[in-house]
Each structure stands twice: as C-alpha cells, then as structure tokens.
Amino acid sequence: MKLNSLDIVQSALICYLGDVISCGDGVESSVRNRIFRAWSKWRELASLLVNHSIPLEERAKVYCACVRSALSYTAETWTAS
C-alpha cells in the first residue's frame, strides 16, 4: 500500500494508548493484554495486598485503584460478542 509515494506496511497488531488493536481477532487480543496487565499489577502489589497488618479496607482500596483499574482500562470500548 502506498501513501504519497511512501510504502505503508500493514501490521496485524499495534499497541495504541496501552490498548492492543488487532485486525483479525476483534477484542480478544485486547482482553488478553488487559488480563496480563492486571496480573502483572497483582504480582507487583501482592506483598501489600496479602499483608494482614494493613486493614482490609485499605488493601481493598489499593486493589480497586490499581489492579481492577488496570483490568478495566479501555473496557468500555470493547464490543460484546
């Protein structure tokens, strides 16, 4: 494909603003990416999230702010199938 005499390469996957956009499998790659990001955030914060010396309410706030938000980022743009 050409644009103003420049060759344009088509890519199967691109990452844009933290979201994975695919030309073939719809939102599946984006969902997989979000699940991966949420698990990565969980692993990063696991020592804090399972620390019983910190009140449960505080740990829940951290979970919602960090892990759940990492999972649900861009979810409003996913199509239901």
N, C-alpha and C. Protein backbone atom coordinates (compact mmCIF):
# COMPACT_ATOMS: atom_id res chain seq x y z
N MET A 1 0.84 -1.16 0.00
CA MET A 1 0.00 0.00 0.00
C MET A 1 0.90 1.23 0.00
N LYS A 2 0.48 2.26 -0.71
CA LYS A 2 1.28 3.48 -0.80
C LYS A 2 0.44 4.69 -0.41
N LEU A 3 1.12 5.64 0.19
CA LEU A 3 0.51 6.92 0.54
C LEU A 3 1.52 8.00 0.20
N ASN A 4 1.17 8.86 -0.75
CA ASN A 4 2.09 9.90 -1.21
C ASN A 4 3.45 9.32 -1.58
N SER A 5 3.44 8.25 -2.33
CA SER A 5 4.63 7.54 -2.81
C SER A 5 5.46 6.90 -1.70
N LEU A 6 4.93 6.80 -0.48
CA LEU A 6 5.61 6.11 0.62
C LEU A 6 4.95 4.75 0.83
N ASP A 7 5.78 3.73 1.00
CA ASP A 7 5.24 2.41 1.28
C ASP A 7 4.72 2.34 2.71
N ILE A 8 3.52 1.79 2.87
CA ILE A 8 2.90 1.63 4.18
C ILE A 8 2.79 0.13 4.44
N VAL A 9 3.30 -0.28 5.59
CA VAL A 9 3.28 -1.69 5.96
C VAL A 9 2.08 -1.95 6.86
N GLN A 10 1.32 -2.97 6.53
CA GLN A 10 0.17 -3.33 7.36
C GLN A 10 0.64 -4.25 8.49
N SER A 11 0.20 -3.95 9.70
CA SER A 11 0.59 -4.73 10.86
C SER A 11 -0.62 -5.47 11.41
N ALA A 12 -0.41 -6.68 11.91
CA ALA A 12 -1.51 -7.47 12.47
C ALA A 12 -1.92 -6.95 13.83
N LEU A 13 -0.96 -6.48 14.63
CA LEU A 13 -1.23 -5.96 15.97
C LEU A 13 -0.49 -4.66 16.19
N ILE A 14 -1.15 -3.71 16.81
CA ILE A 14 -0.46 -2.49 17.23
C ILE A 14 -0.92 -2.15 18.64
N CYS A 15 -0.08 -1.48 19.37
CA CYS A 15 -0.41 -1.03 20.71
C CYS A 15 -0.61 0.48 20.64
N TYR A 16 -1.79 0.95 21.02
CA TYR A 16 -2.11 2.36 20.97
C TYR A 16 -2.71 2.78 22.30
N LEU A 17 -2.05 3.69 23.00
CA LEU A 17 -2.50 4.18 24.30
C LEU A 17 -2.75 3.04 25.28
N GLY A 18 -1.89 2.04 25.25
CA GLY A 18 -2.00 0.92 26.18
C GLY A 18 -2.99 -0.14 25.77
N ASP A 19 -3.67 0.04 24.67
CA ASP A 19 -4.65 -0.93 24.21
C ASP A 19 -4.10 -1.61 22.96
N VAL A 20 -4.35 -2.90 22.83
CA VAL A 20 -3.89 -3.65 21.67
C VAL A 20 -5.00 -3.67 20.63
N ILE A 21 -4.68 -3.22 19.44
CA ILE A 21 -5.65 -3.19 18.35
C ILE A 21 -5.23 -4.25 17.34
N SER A 22 -6.19 -5.10 16.97
CA SER A 22 -5.91 -6.20 16.07
C SER A 22 -6.82 -6.12 14.86
N CYS A 23 -6.32 -6.55 13.73
CA CYS A 23 -7.17 -6.54 12.54
C CYS A 23 -7.86 -7.89 12.34
N GLY A 24 -7.51 -8.90 13.14
CA GLY A 24 -8.07 -10.21 12.90
C GLY A 24 -9.00 -10.76 13.95
N ASP A 25 -8.63 -10.67 15.23
CA ASP A 25 -9.42 -11.38 16.24
C ASP A 25 -10.27 -10.47 17.12
N GLY A 26 -10.65 -9.33 16.61
CA GLY A 26 -11.53 -8.44 17.36
C GLY A 26 -10.90 -7.96 18.65
N VAL A 27 -11.63 -8.06 19.75
CA VAL A 27 -11.13 -7.54 21.02
C VAL A 27 -10.40 -8.60 21.84
N GLU A 28 -10.28 -9.81 21.33
CA GLU A 28 -9.66 -10.89 22.11
C GLU A 28 -8.23 -10.56 22.51
N SER A 29 -7.45 -10.00 21.62
CA SER A 29 -6.06 -9.65 21.96
C SER A 29 -6.03 -8.52 22.98
N SER A 30 -6.97 -7.60 22.89
CA SER A 30 -7.05 -6.51 23.87
C SER A 30 -7.41 -7.04 25.24
N VAL A 31 -8.36 -7.97 25.30
CA VAL A 31 -8.76 -8.56 26.58
C VAL A 31 -7.61 -9.35 27.17
N ARG A 32 -6.92 -10.14 26.36
CA ARG A 32 -5.76 -10.89 26.86
C ARG A 32 -4.70 -9.94 27.41
N ASN A 33 -4.47 -8.84 26.72
CA ASN A 33 -3.49 -7.85 27.17
C ASN A 33 -3.91 -7.24 28.51
N ARG A 34 -5.16 -6.90 28.67
CA ARG A 34 -5.65 -6.32 29.93
C ARG A 34 -5.54 -7.33 31.08
N ILE A 35 -5.85 -8.59 30.83
CA ILE A 35 -5.71 -9.62 31.86
C ILE A 35 -4.24 -9.76 32.26
N PHE A 36 -3.36 -9.75 31.29
CA PHE A 36 -1.93 -9.81 31.57
C PHE A 36 -1.49 -8.62 32.42
N ARG A 37 -1.95 -7.42 32.06
CA ARG A 37 -1.58 -6.22 32.82
C ARG A 37 -2.11 -6.27 34.25
N ALA A 38 -3.34 -6.76 34.43
CA ALA A 38 -3.91 -6.85 35.77
C ALA A 38 -3.14 -7.86 36.62
N TRP A 39 -2.79 -9.01 36.07
CA TRP A 39 -2.00 -9.99 36.81
C TRP A 39 -0.61 -9.44 37.14
N SER A 40 -0.03 -8.70 36.22
CA SER A 40 1.28 -8.09 36.49
C SER A 40 1.19 -7.10 37.64
N LYS A 41 0.12 -6.31 37.67
CA LYS A 41 -0.07 -5.36 38.76
C LYS A 41 -0.32 -6.10 40.07
N TRP A 42 -1.09 -7.21 40.01
CA TRP A 42 -1.33 -8.02 41.22
C TRP A 42 0.00 -8.54 41.78
N ARG A 43 0.84 -9.10 40.90
CA ARG A 43 2.13 -9.63 41.35
C ARG A 43 3.01 -8.54 41.94
N GLU A 44 2.95 -7.36 41.36
CA GLU A 44 3.74 -6.24 41.85
C GLU A 44 3.28 -5.82 43.26
N LEU A 45 1.99 -5.92 43.54
CA LEU A 45 1.43 -5.45 44.81
C LEU A 45 1.05 -6.58 45.77
N ALA A 46 1.37 -7.82 45.43
CA ALA A 46 0.90 -8.96 46.22
C ALA A 46 1.34 -8.89 47.68
N SER A 47 2.55 -8.49 47.94
CA SER A 47 3.02 -8.44 49.33
C SER A 47 2.20 -7.44 50.15
N LEU A 48 1.77 -6.38 49.55
CA LEU A 48 0.93 -5.40 50.24
C LEU A 48 -0.51 -5.90 50.36
N LEU A 49 -1.03 -6.53 49.31
CA LEU A 49 -2.43 -6.94 49.29
C LEU A 49 -2.72 -8.11 50.23
N VAL A 50 -1.73 -8.91 50.57
CA VAL A 50 -1.95 -10.03 51.48
C VAL A 50 -1.38 -9.77 52.87
N ASN A 51 -0.92 -8.56 53.11
CA ASN A 51 -0.35 -8.19 54.41
C ASN A 51 -1.48 -7.96 55.42
N HIS A 52 -1.59 -8.85 56.41
CA HIS A 52 -2.69 -8.76 57.37
C HIS A 52 -2.51 -7.66 58.40
N SER A 53 -1.34 -7.03 58.44
CA SER A 53 -1.16 -5.91 59.37
C SER A 53 -1.77 -4.62 58.81
N ILE A 54 -2.13 -4.62 57.53
CA ILE A 54 -2.82 -3.50 56.90
C ILE A 54 -4.31 -3.82 56.90
N PRO A 55 -5.16 -2.90 57.34
CA PRO A 55 -6.60 -3.16 57.38
C PRO A 55 -7.15 -3.56 56.00
N LEU A 56 -8.10 -4.47 56.02
CA LEU A 56 -8.69 -4.99 54.79
C LEU A 56 -9.27 -3.87 53.93
N GLU A 57 -9.89 -2.89 54.54
CA GLU A 57 -10.48 -1.79 53.77
C GLU A 57 -9.41 -1.03 52.97
N GLU A 58 -8.25 -0.84 53.57
CA GLU A 58 -7.17 -0.15 52.88
C GLU A 58 -6.62 -1.00 51.73
N ARG A 59 -6.47 -2.29 51.97
CA ARG A 59 -6.00 -3.18 50.91
C ARG A 59 -6.99 -3.23 49.76
N ALA A 60 -8.29 -3.21 50.10
CA ALA A 60 -9.33 -3.21 49.07
C ALA A 60 -9.26 -1.95 48.22
N LYS A 61 -8.99 -0.81 48.85
CA LYS A 61 -8.86 0.44 48.10
C LYS A 61 -7.69 0.38 47.12
N VAL A 62 -6.57 -0.18 47.57
CA VAL A 62 -5.41 -0.32 46.69
C VAL A 62 -5.72 -1.27 45.54
N TYR A 63 -6.39 -2.38 45.85
CA TYR A 63 -6.78 -3.34 44.81
C TYR A 63 -7.66 -2.67 43.75
N CYS A 64 -8.69 -1.96 44.20
CA CYS A 64 -9.60 -1.31 43.26
C CYS A 64 -8.89 -0.24 42.43
N ALA A 65 -8.02 0.51 43.08
CA ALA A 65 -7.35 1.61 42.38
C ALA A 65 -6.30 1.11 41.40
N CYS A 66 -5.63 0.01 41.71
CA CYS A 66 -4.50 -0.42 40.88
C CYS A 66 -4.82 -1.63 40.02
N VAL A 67 -5.27 -2.71 40.63
CA VAL A 67 -5.47 -3.95 39.89
C VAL A 67 -6.74 -3.89 39.04
N ARG A 68 -7.85 -3.54 39.66
CA ARG A 68 -9.11 -3.51 38.91
C ARG A 68 -9.09 -2.46 37.81
N SER A 69 -8.49 -1.31 38.07
CA SER A 69 -8.43 -0.29 37.03
C SER A 69 -7.53 -0.73 35.88
N ALA A 70 -6.46 -1.48 36.17
CA ALA A 70 -5.59 -2.00 35.10
C ALA A 70 -6.36 -2.98 34.23
N LEU A 71 -7.26 -3.74 34.83
CA LEU A 71 -8.06 -4.71 34.07
C LEU A 71 -9.13 -4.03 33.23
N SER A 72 -9.78 -3.04 33.79
CA SER A 72 -10.94 -2.45 33.11
C SER A 72 -10.59 -1.29 32.19
N TYR A 73 -9.32 -0.88 32.14
CA TYR A 73 -8.92 0.23 31.27
C TYR A 73 -9.31 -0.08 29.83
N THR A 74 -9.98 0.80 29.18
CA THR A 74 -10.49 0.71 27.80
C THR A 74 -11.59 -0.33 27.61
N ALA A 75 -12.09 -0.94 28.68
CA ALA A 75 -13.13 -1.96 28.54
C ALA A 75 -14.41 -1.39 27.96
N GLU A 76 -14.66 -0.11 28.17
CA GLU A 76 -15.89 0.48 27.63
C GLU A 76 -15.92 0.52 26.12
N THR A 77 -14.78 0.32 25.49
CA THR A 77 -14.74 0.33 24.02
C THR A 77 -14.80 -1.08 23.42
N TRP A 78 -14.81 -2.11 24.28
CA TRP A 78 -14.86 -3.48 23.76
C TRP A 78 -16.27 -3.78 23.25
N THR A 79 -16.34 -4.51 22.17
CA THR A 79 -17.65 -4.91 21.66
C THR A 79 -18.07 -6.21 22.33
N ALA A 80 -19.36 -6.32 22.62
CA ALA A 80 -19.88 -7.54 23.22
C ALA A 80 -20.08 -8.57 22.11
N SER A 81 -19.72 -9.80 22.39
CA SER A 81 -19.91 -10.84 21.37
C SER A 81 -20.56 -12.06 21.98
